Amino acid sequence: MPSRKLPSHGSGHPGNQDGELKPIPEEDNMAKDKTKKIIDGDTFTTQKGETIRLANVNTPEKGERGAPQARKDLTDMISRKPVTIDPVARDKYGRIVANVKVVNKSVNNAMRKKGWK
């Protein structure tokens, strides 16, 4: 099966600075799951135990200025809600880098519109 190719953004991660990415096979794309825990403004875990990192979104890390607001923004959008996850890669930490939707609304785009790039 073909693998998805990722656009190069200079950092090796679509919009983030996480380094190496491994393509995800097409047959693994478009999973539905429910959020379990919001880790920070661009990362969460699912009921199935996967850690998801929003593609092309980069928010402050815990302890950095703006981190609480970024986490709140993501929490308000997806906490305990069913999400559609369209994986694009796995980062060097094993997280799935993905485009995420809630009720057909792009969470990635909504976070970028809030200023989290």
Protein backbone atom coordinates (compact mmCIF):
# COMPACT_ATOMS: atom_id res chain seq x y z
CA MET A 1 0.00 0.00 0.00
CA PRO A 2 1.25 3.52 -0.70
CA SER A 3 2.32 5.77 2.14
CA ARG A 4 1.42 9.41 2.45
CA LYS A 5 4.21 11.86 1.63
CA LEU A 6 4.54 14.85 3.91
CA PRO A 7 5.32 18.35 2.73
CA SER A 8 8.65 19.64 3.92
CA HIS A 9 8.47 22.58 6.30
CA GLY A 10 12.14 22.74 7.13
CA SER A 11 11.76 21.33 10.63
CA GLY A 12 10.97 17.77 9.61
CA HIS A 13 7.49 18.04 11.14
CA PRO A 14 4.40 19.56 9.58
CA GLY A 15 4.40 22.84 11.47
CA ASN A 16 6.24 21.57 14.55
CA GLN A 17 9.83 21.03 15.65
CA ASP A 18 9.66 17.33 16.52
CA GLY A 19 12.26 16.02 14.09
CA GLU A 20 11.95 12.71 12.28
CA LEU A 21 8.60 11.56 10.93
CA LYS A 22 7.59 8.16 9.65
CA PRO A 23 4.78 8.02 7.06
CA ILE A 24 1.58 6.22 8.03
CA PRO A 25 0.21 3.68 5.52
CA GLU A 26 -3.01 4.81 3.80
CA GLU A 27 -5.00 1.89 5.26
CA ASP A 28 -4.37 3.24 8.78
CA ASN A 29 -5.98 6.61 8.02
CA MET A 30 -9.29 8.10 9.21
CA ALA A 31 -9.92 6.56 12.62
CA LYS A 32 -12.77 7.59 14.88
CA ASP A 33 -12.12 7.75 18.59
CA LYS A 34 -13.00 9.75 21.69
CA THR A 35 -10.61 12.05 23.52
CA LYS A 36 -9.44 10.95 26.94
CA LYS A 37 -6.91 13.52 28.17
CA ILE A 38 -5.70 16.87 26.86
CA ILE A 39 -1.94 17.00 27.44
CA ASP A 40 -1.29 20.50 26.11
CA GLY A 41 -2.53 22.79 23.35
CA ASP A 42 -1.52 20.50 20.50
CA THR A 43 -1.44 17.00 22.01
CA PHE A 44 -4.06 14.67 23.48
CA THR A 45 -4.69 11.01 24.18
CA THR A 46 -7.62 8.93 22.99
CA GLN A 47 -9.80 6.32 24.67
CA LYS A 48 -7.94 3.70 22.57
CA GLY A 49 -4.64 4.80 24.11
CA GLU A 50 -3.09 6.68 21.19
CA THR A 51 -1.26 9.96 21.68
CA ILE A 52 -2.22 12.43 18.95
CA ARG A 53 -0.26 15.56 17.98
CA LEU A 54 -2.08 18.11 15.82
CA ALA A 55 -0.36 18.54 12.45
CA ASN A 56 0.73 22.08 11.56
CA VAL A 57 -0.09 23.43 15.02
CA ASN A 58 2.54 24.40 17.56
CA THR A 59 1.54 25.68 20.99
CA PRO A 60 3.65 26.53 24.05
CA GLU A 61 4.78 23.61 26.20
CA LYS A 62 3.72 23.18 29.84
CA GLY A 63 5.28 25.91 31.96
CA GLU A 64 5.72 28.30 29.03
CA ARG A 65 3.82 31.55 28.61
CA GLY A 66 0.51 30.91 26.84
CA ALA A 67 0.43 27.18 27.57
CA PRO A 68 -2.63 27.28 29.87
CA GLN A 69 -4.69 29.20 27.29
CA ALA A 70 -3.64 26.87 24.46
CA ARG A 71 -4.62 23.84 26.54
CA LYS A 72 -7.95 25.46 27.41
CA ASP A 73 -8.63 26.24 23.74
CA LEU A 74 -8.03 22.61 22.74
CA THR A 75 -9.98 21.31 25.75
CA ASP A 76 -13.00 23.46 24.85
CA MET A 77 -12.97 22.04 21.32
CA ILE A 78 -12.42 18.32 21.87
CA SER A 79 -12.59 17.23 25.52
CA ARG A 80 -14.44 13.91 25.82
CA LYS A 81 -15.87 14.35 22.32
CA PRO A 82 -15.79 11.93 19.41
CA VAL A 83 -13.06 12.93 16.95
CA THR A 84 -12.07 11.85 13.48
CA ILE A 85 -8.32 11.38 13.22
CA ASP A 86 -6.59 11.53 9.84
CA PRO A 87 -2.98 10.51 10.56
CA VAL A 88 -0.17 11.85 8.39
CA ALA A 89 2.87 10.46 10.26
CA ARG A 90 4.37 9.23 13.50
CA ASP A 91 6.93 11.50 15.13
CA LYS A 92 10.14 10.39 16.82
CA TYR A 93 8.25 10.10 20.13
CA GLY A 94 5.77 7.61 18.65
CA ARG A 95 2.88 10.08 18.64
CA ILE A 96 0.49 10.13 15.70
CA VAL A 97 0.71 13.47 13.90
CA ALA A 98 -2.76 14.06 12.48
CA ASN A 99 -5.45 16.31 11.14
CA VAL A 100 -8.34 16.10 13.61
CA LYS A 101 -12.02 16.93 13.17
CA VAL A 102 -14.96 17.25 15.55
CA VAL A 103 -18.35 17.13 13.82
CA ASN A 104 -16.65 17.77 10.44
CA LYS A 105 -14.89 20.91 11.78
CA SER A 106 -11.10 20.98 11.54
CA VAL A 107 -9.57 21.30 15.00
CA ASN A 108 -6.19 22.07 13.41
CA ASN A 109 -7.63 25.01 11.46
CA ALA A 110 -9.59 26.26 14.48
CA MET A 111 -6.44 26.26 16.63
CA ARG A 112 -4.51 28.14 13.93
CA LYS A 113 -7.33 30.71 13.69
CA LYS A 114 -6.97 31.26 17.44
CA GLY A 115 -3.35 32.17 16.76
CA TRP A 116 -1.62 28.87 17.58
CA LYS A 117 0.71 28.28 14.65
